Amino acid sequence: MGRRRRSSDLDGVLVLDKPAGPTSHDVVERVRRITGQARVGHTGTLDPPATGVLVLCLGRATKLVRFLQAGTKTYAARMALGVQTTTQDAEGEVVGTADASAVDERTLCEVLTRFQGEIEQVPPMVSAVKVGGERLHEKARRGEEVDRAARTVTVHDLMLDAFEPGERAEASFLITCSAGTYVRTLAHDVGTALGVGGSLLRLRRIANGPFTSDEAVTLEDLEAADDPRARLLTPEEAVARALPSVPVEDPDLARRCSHGGRITAQDVDGWYALTYGARLLGIYRDQDGQAVPELVWTRPEELS
């Protein structure tokens, strides 16, 4: 498996290119073995057959997971029309087929437009959503199917990339969507709207917020690196790309922030980063006229 390093002080954000096959948890475990850092978390799972951007936070940067996982996701996907499966993708058992030869590109594009904006999705039985204190995929393994409440997600952009007509038509598309969107369910629902059924064939995440597949490293690249730090973004770099940044120039204000104190609101919607020089002071949100810390990053002794 390669040499094991003791790197308990390794802090940073890794943009990884997940291969098809392992679960996201499997990838996390392998990164732990490669780097020697036990504290590793991810900002959004990918199913085992899926590939692409998996953003991992190592060490102290695991505190940043919730701030980095809230952004949009962009996928390149391919679906089959006329085929329905138990898992809504190619891994499941086929439970229905239909002749999709009547579907043409224009009809498909018209249906795709219905799935832009805010839409309702029922989580698939193979998802990690909990119902009755148990994850759905655990129930699915026992052959159970239970009622699931629909969830509102946002599809910001949905574009047909390629279409191959026929009895088993196939379509490739690009989708940018909110966190929590199930692309397999989108393929299933589009097929249902067309009256022939549908399922996902392939999925690749090409962007997770500001982190893209162009910069992602493979597990093999990480293992071959003499120093894994060279493959990581610093926490400051990752936050600067994911959130708006507001500089603090007064050293007394910076020290107050390092103690978790509040300062005057900065008129920024949502989370934002307060910085002092090159340092990340913390993650803040405006509330009742004040900047309230969600996470204090720089400690008082680090400002000395």
Protein backbone atom coordinates (compact mmCIF):
# COMPACT_ATOMS: atom_id res chain seq x y z
CA MET A 1 0.00 0.00 0.00
CA GLY A 2 3.01 2.33 0.16
CA ARG A 3 4.89 3.93 3.02
CA ARG A 4 2.98 5.16 6.02
CA ARG A 5 3.72 8.64 7.30
CA ARG A 6 3.04 10.03 10.71
CA SER A 7 1.56 13.41 9.84
CA SER A 8 -0.82 14.19 12.68
CA ASP A 9 -0.01 17.88 12.17
CA LEU A 10 -1.01 17.79 8.50
CA ASP A 11 -3.68 20.46 7.94
CA GLY A 12 -5.19 21.42 4.62
CA VAL A 13 -7.73 20.75 1.88
CA LEU A 14 -7.22 18.08 -0.75
CA VAL A 15 -9.05 18.22 -4.10
CA LEU A 16 -9.10 14.55 -5.05
CA ASP A 17 -10.16 12.85 -8.29
CA LYS A 18 -12.16 9.89 -6.99
CA PRO A 19 -11.95 6.73 -9.12
CA ALA A 20 -14.92 4.52 -9.89
CA GLY A 21 -15.38 1.62 -7.47
CA PRO A 22 -14.60 2.63 -3.90
CA THR A 23 -17.04 4.42 -1.63
CA SER A 24 -16.23 7.92 -0.44
CA HIS A 25 -15.52 6.37 2.98
CA ASP A 26 -13.06 3.94 1.36
CA VAL A 27 -11.26 6.91 -0.20
CA VAL A 28 -11.11 8.71 3.15
CA GLU A 29 -9.57 5.61 4.75
CA ARG A 30 -6.96 5.34 2.02
CA VAL A 31 -6.02 9.01 2.39
CA ARG A 32 -5.62 8.44 6.13
CA ARG A 33 -3.20 5.58 5.44
CA ILE A 34 -1.25 7.49 2.82
CA THR A 35 -0.85 10.69 4.85
CA GLY A 36 -0.81 9.35 8.40
CA GLN A 37 -3.42 11.96 9.31
CA ALA A 38 -6.33 10.31 11.15
CA ARG A 39 -8.59 13.36 10.97
CA VAL A 40 -10.01 13.38 7.44
CA GLY A 41 -13.50 14.47 6.40
CA HIS A 42 -15.19 15.05 3.05
CA THR A 43 -17.53 17.80 1.85
CA GLY A 44 -20.02 15.62 -0.01
CA THR A 45 -20.12 11.94 -0.94
CA LEU A 46 -19.90 10.38 -4.36
CA ASP A 47 -21.52 7.00 -5.02
CA PRO A 48 -19.09 4.11 -5.70
CA PRO A 49 -19.58 4.12 -9.52
CA ALA A 50 -19.17 7.91 -9.71
CA THR A 51 -15.86 9.66 -10.36
CA GLY A 52 -14.52 13.16 -10.02
CA VAL A 53 -14.05 15.89 -7.46
CA LEU A 54 -14.09 14.80 -3.84
CA VAL A 55 -12.95 17.59 -1.52
CA LEU A 56 -11.27 16.29 1.64
CA CYS A 57 -10.35 18.30 4.73
CA LEU A 58 -7.40 17.08 6.76
CA GLY A 59 -6.45 17.78 10.35
CA ARG A 60 -7.64 21.05 11.77
CA ALA A 61 -9.23 21.85 8.40
CA THR A 62 -11.99 19.31 9.20
CA LYS A 63 -13.61 22.24 11.04
CA LEU A 64 -14.17 23.81 7.63
CA VAL A 65 -16.23 20.96 6.16
CA ARG A 66 -19.65 22.54 6.69
CA PHE A 67 -18.52 25.82 5.12
CA LEU A 68 -17.01 24.17 2.05
CA GLN A 69 -19.82 21.70 1.36
CA ALA A 70 -22.60 24.27 0.96
CA GLY A 71 -21.69 25.38 -2.57
CA THR A 72 -23.10 24.20 -5.89
CA LYS A 73 -21.99 20.99 -7.58
CA THR A 74 -21.48 20.49 -11.32
CA TYR A 75 -21.74 17.06 -12.94
CA ALA A 76 -21.29 15.52 -16.36
CA ALA A 77 -23.82 12.69 -16.56
CA ARG A 78 -25.19 10.15 -19.01
CA MET A 79 -28.60 8.51 -18.76
CA ALA A 80 -30.46 5.71 -20.50
CA LEU A 81 -34.06 6.23 -21.60
CA GLY A 82 -36.45 3.30 -21.63
CA VAL A 83 -34.79 1.54 -18.68
CA GLN A 84 -35.83 1.72 -15.03
CA THR A 85 -33.82 0.07 -12.25
CA THR A 86 -34.18 -0.52 -8.52
CA THR A 87 -31.38 1.95 -7.75
CA GLN A 88 -32.16 4.47 -10.51
CA ASP A 89 -28.73 3.76 -12.01
CA ALA A 90 -26.89 1.03 -13.91
CA GLU A 91 -25.93 -0.79 -10.68
CA GLY A 92 -29.51 -1.83 -9.95
CA GLU A 93 -31.82 -4.56 -11.19
CA VAL A 94 -33.87 -3.65 -14.24
CA VAL A 95 -37.53 -3.41 -13.21
CA GLY A 96 -39.03 -1.87 -16.34
CA THR A 97 -38.28 -1.25 -19.99
CA ALA A 98 -39.99 0.69 -22.76
CA ASP A 99 -39.36 1.66 -26.35
CA ALA A 100 -37.80 5.14 -26.31
CA SER A 101 -37.47 5.51 -30.08
CA ALA A 102 -40.25 8.14 -30.17
CA VAL A 103 -38.18 10.50 -28.01
CA ASP A 104 -36.32 13.07 -30.06
CA GLU A 105 -33.82 15.74 -29.05
CA ARG A 106 -36.36 18.56 -29.11
CA THR A 107 -38.78 16.69 -26.84
CA LEU A 108 -36.00 15.82 -24.42
CA CYS A 109 -34.83 19.44 -24.23
CA GLU A 110 -38.38 20.60 -23.54
CA VAL A 111 -38.66 18.15 -20.65
CA LEU A 112 -35.26 19.12 -19.26
CA THR A 113 -36.40 22.73 -18.95
CA ARG A 114 -39.06 21.58 -16.47
CA PHE A 115 -36.32 20.41 -14.13
CA GLN A 116 -34.56 23.75 -13.80
CA GLY A 117 -34.99 26.01 -10.80
CA GLU A 118 -36.45 24.72 -7.54
CA ILE A 119 -37.73 21.16 -7.90
CA GLU A 120 -39.00 18.45 -5.58
CA GLN A 121 -37.09 15.17 -5.32
CA VAL A 122 -37.90 12.00 -3.39
CA PRO A 123 -34.57 10.61 -2.10
CA PRO A 124 -33.75 7.19 -3.59
CA MET A 125 -33.78 4.13 -1.35
CA VAL A 126 -30.02 3.77 -1.84
CA SER A 127 -29.31 7.19 -0.31
CA ALA A 128 -27.85 8.02 3.11
CA VAL A 129 -30.98 9.90 4.22
CA LYS A 130 -32.23 8.68 7.59
CA VAL A 131 -35.82 7.51 8.09
CA GLY A 132 -36.79 6.21 11.50
CA GLY A 133 -33.21 6.57 12.72
CA GLU A 134 -31.78 4.33 9.99
CA ARG A 135 -30.20 5.20 6.65
CA LEU A 136 -32.27 4.32 3.61
CA HIS A 137 -29.53 2.29 1.96
CA GLU A 138 -29.42 0.02 5.02
CA LYS A 139 -33.15 -0.65 4.64
CA ALA A 140 -32.69 -1.18 0.90
CA ARG A 141 -30.10 -3.91 1.51
CA ARG A 142 -32.80 -5.86 3.37
CA GLY A 143 -35.19 -5.41 0.47
CA GLU A 144 -37.31 -2.84 2.29
CA GLU A 145 -38.89 0.21 0.71
CA VAL A 146 -40.42 2.96 2.84
CA ASP A 147 -42.19 6.24 2.21
CA ARG A 148 -39.80 9.20 1.86
CA ALA A 149 -40.67 12.85 2.09
CA ALA A 150 -39.86 14.95 -0.97
CA ARG A 151 -37.10 17.53 -0.63
CA THR A 152 -36.66 20.84 -2.41
CA VAL A 153 -33.40 21.21 -4.34
CA THR A 154 -32.24 23.78 -6.88
CA VAL A 155 -31.04 23.03 -10.40
CA HIS A 156 -29.20 26.14 -11.51
CA ASP A 157 -28.35 24.94 -15.00
CA LEU A 158 -29.25 21.82 -17.00
CA MET A 159 -27.97 21.44 -20.54
CA LEU A 160 -28.16 18.57 -23.01
CA ASP A 161 -24.67 17.72 -24.24
CA ALA A 162 -25.33 14.80 -26.59
CA PHE A 163 -28.27 12.62 -27.64
CA GLU A 164 -28.38 9.22 -29.30
CA PRO A 165 -31.93 8.28 -30.35
CA GLY A 166 -33.21 4.74 -30.51
CA GLU A 167 -35.19 2.10 -28.67
CA ARG A 168 -32.70 2.48 -25.83
CA ALA A 169 -31.90 6.14 -26.30
CA GLU A 170 -29.04 7.69 -24.35
CA ALA A 171 -28.38 11.31 -23.41
CA SER A 172 -25.42 13.12 -21.91
CA PHE A 173 -26.04 16.30 -19.95
CA LEU A 174 -24.33 18.85 -17.72
CA ILE A 175 -25.99 19.91 -14.49
CA THR A 176 -25.11 22.52 -11.88
CA CYS A 177 -27.19 22.07 -8.76
CA SER A 178 -27.43 22.66 -5.04
CA ALA A 179 -25.95 20.33 -2.47
CA GLY A 180 -28.30 17.43 -1.78
CA THR A 181 -29.46 16.98 -5.38
CA TYR A 182 -29.64 13.35 -6.57
CA VAL A 183 -28.63 13.17 -10.23
CA ARG A 184 -29.79 9.55 -10.44
CA THR A 185 -33.24 10.67 -9.31
CA LEU A 186 -33.19 13.44 -11.91
CA ALA A 187 -32.50 10.85 -14.63
CA HIS A 188 -35.32 8.68 -13.28
CA ASP A 189 -37.76 11.61 -13.10
CA VAL A 190 -36.88 12.88 -16.59
CA GLY A 191 -37.52 9.40 -17.97
CA THR A 192 -40.85 9.28 -16.15
CA ALA A 193 -41.82 12.69 -17.55
CA LEU A 194 -41.04 11.37 -21.05
CA GLY A 195 -43.26 8.35 -20.42
CA VAL A 196 -40.51 5.77 -21.04
CA GLY A 197 -38.58 5.65 -17.76
CA GLY A 198 -34.92 6.45 -17.27
CA SER A 199 -31.84 5.64 -15.24
CA LEU A 200 -28.34 6.99 -14.74
CA LEU A 201 -25.48 5.34 -16.63
CA ARG A 202 -22.45 7.38 -15.62
CA LEU A 203 -21.69 10.31 -13.35
CA ARG A 204 -18.63 12.49 -12.97
CA ARG A 205 -18.44 15.50 -10.65
CA ILE A 206 -16.42 18.13 -12.46
CA ALA A 207 -16.75 20.88 -9.84
CA ASN A 208 -17.56 21.14 -6.16
CA GLY A 209 -18.05 24.84 -5.54
CA PRO A 210 -14.81 26.53 -6.63
CA PHE A 211 -12.83 23.26 -6.71
CA THR A 212 -12.58 21.62 -10.14
CA SER A 213 -11.50 18.37 -11.73
CA ASP A 214 -8.71 20.21 -13.57
CA GLU A 215 -6.82 20.63 -10.30
CA ALA A 216 -7.78 17.33 -8.69
CA VAL A 217 -5.06 14.81 -7.85
CA THR A 218 -5.43 11.05 -7.99
CA LEU A 219 -4.79 8.68 -5.11
CA GLU A 220 -1.76 7.43 -7.02
CA ASP A 221 -0.39 10.98 -7.31
CA LEU A 222 -0.88 11.50 -3.60
CA GLU A 223 0.83 8.25 -2.71
CA ALA A 224 3.79 9.01 -4.98
CA ALA A 225 4.33 12.48 -3.51
CA ASP A 226 7.40 12.86 -1.27
CA ASP A 227 5.46 15.33 0.87
CA PRO A 228 1.64 15.28 0.74
CA ARG A 229 1.62 18.94 1.82
CA ALA A 230 2.57 19.84 -1.72
CA ARG A 231 -0.78 18.45 -2.87
CA LEU A 232 -2.90 20.36 -0.37
CA LEU A 233 -4.47 23.79 -0.37
CA THR A 234 -3.90 25.64 2.87
CA PRO A 235 -7.07 26.27 4.90
CA GLU A 236 -6.69 29.98 4.10
CA GLU A 237 -6.49 29.29 0.35
CA ALA A 238 -9.54 27.02 0.41
CA VAL A 239 -11.68 29.46 2.39
CA ALA A 240 -10.62 32.41 0.22
CA ARG A 241 -11.93 30.55 -2.83
CA ALA A 242 -15.17 29.35 -1.24
CA LEU A 243 -16.34 32.39 0.73
CA PRO A 244 -16.33 36.19 0.45
CA SER A 245 -13.42 37.73 2.33
CA VAL A 246 -13.41 40.88 4.47
CA PRO A 247 -10.05 42.23 5.72
CA VAL A 248 -9.55 43.51 9.26
CA GLU A 249 -6.76 46.09 9.50
CA ASP A 250 -7.00 47.16 13.15
CA PRO A 251 -4.84 44.87 15.34
CA ASP A 252 -7.13 45.42 18.32
CA LEU A 253 -10.12 44.24 16.29
CA ALA A 254 -8.10 41.25 15.07
CA ARG A 255 -7.26 40.32 18.66
CA ARG A 256 -10.92 40.65 19.65
CA CYS A 257 -11.83 38.26 16.83
CA SER A 258 -9.19 35.78 17.98
CA HIS A 259 -10.95 35.70 21.36
CA GLY A 260 -14.30 35.01 19.65
CA GLY A 261 -15.56 38.56 20.05
CA ARG A 262 -18.13 40.25 17.85
CA ILE A 263 -17.53 43.30 15.70
CA THR A 264 -19.69 45.57 13.54
CA ALA A 265 -21.68 43.80 10.83
CA GLN A 266 -19.99 43.77 7.42
CA ASP A 267 -23.14 43.80 5.22
CA VAL A 268 -22.38 40.44 3.60
CA ASP A 269 -25.05 37.84 2.90
CA GLY A 270 -24.32 34.41 4.41
CA TRP A 271 -20.98 33.21 5.72
CA TYR A 272 -17.82 35.18 5.05
CA ALA A 273 -14.17 35.07 6.11
CA LEU A 274 -12.53 37.75 8.23
CA THR A 275 -8.81 38.04 7.55
CA TYR A 276 -5.89 39.89 9.13
CA GLY A 277 -3.05 40.12 6.68
CA ALA A 278 -2.50 36.58 5.41
CA ARG A 279 -4.27 35.05 8.40
CA LEU A 280 -7.78 33.71 8.52
CA LEU A 281 -9.34 35.06 11.70
CA GLY A 282 -12.55 33.08 11.38
CA ILE A 283 -15.85 32.50 9.63
CA TYR A 284 -18.58 35.03 10.44
CA ARG A 285 -22.21 35.80 9.68
CA ASP A 286 -24.02 39.11 10.17
CA GLN A 287 -26.76 39.01 12.77
CA ASP A 288 -28.64 41.87 14.44
CA GLY A 289 -26.10 44.47 13.34
CA GLN A 290 -23.07 42.47 14.46
CA ALA A 291 -20.57 40.11 12.86
CA VAL A 292 -21.05 36.89 14.83
CA PRO A 293 -18.35 34.19 14.75
CA GLU A 294 -19.38 30.80 13.39
CA LEU A 295 -15.80 29.54 13.69
CA VAL A 296 -12.79 31.16 15.35
CA TRP A 297 -9.69 30.07 13.45
CA THR A 298 -6.71 32.14 14.62
CA ARG A 299 -5.87 31.86 18.32
CA PRO A 300 -4.69 34.89 20.33
CA GLU A 301 -1.16 33.49 20.73
CA GLU A 302 -0.90 33.12 16.95
CA LEU A 303 -1.21 36.89 16.55
CA SER A 304 1.76 37.61 18.82
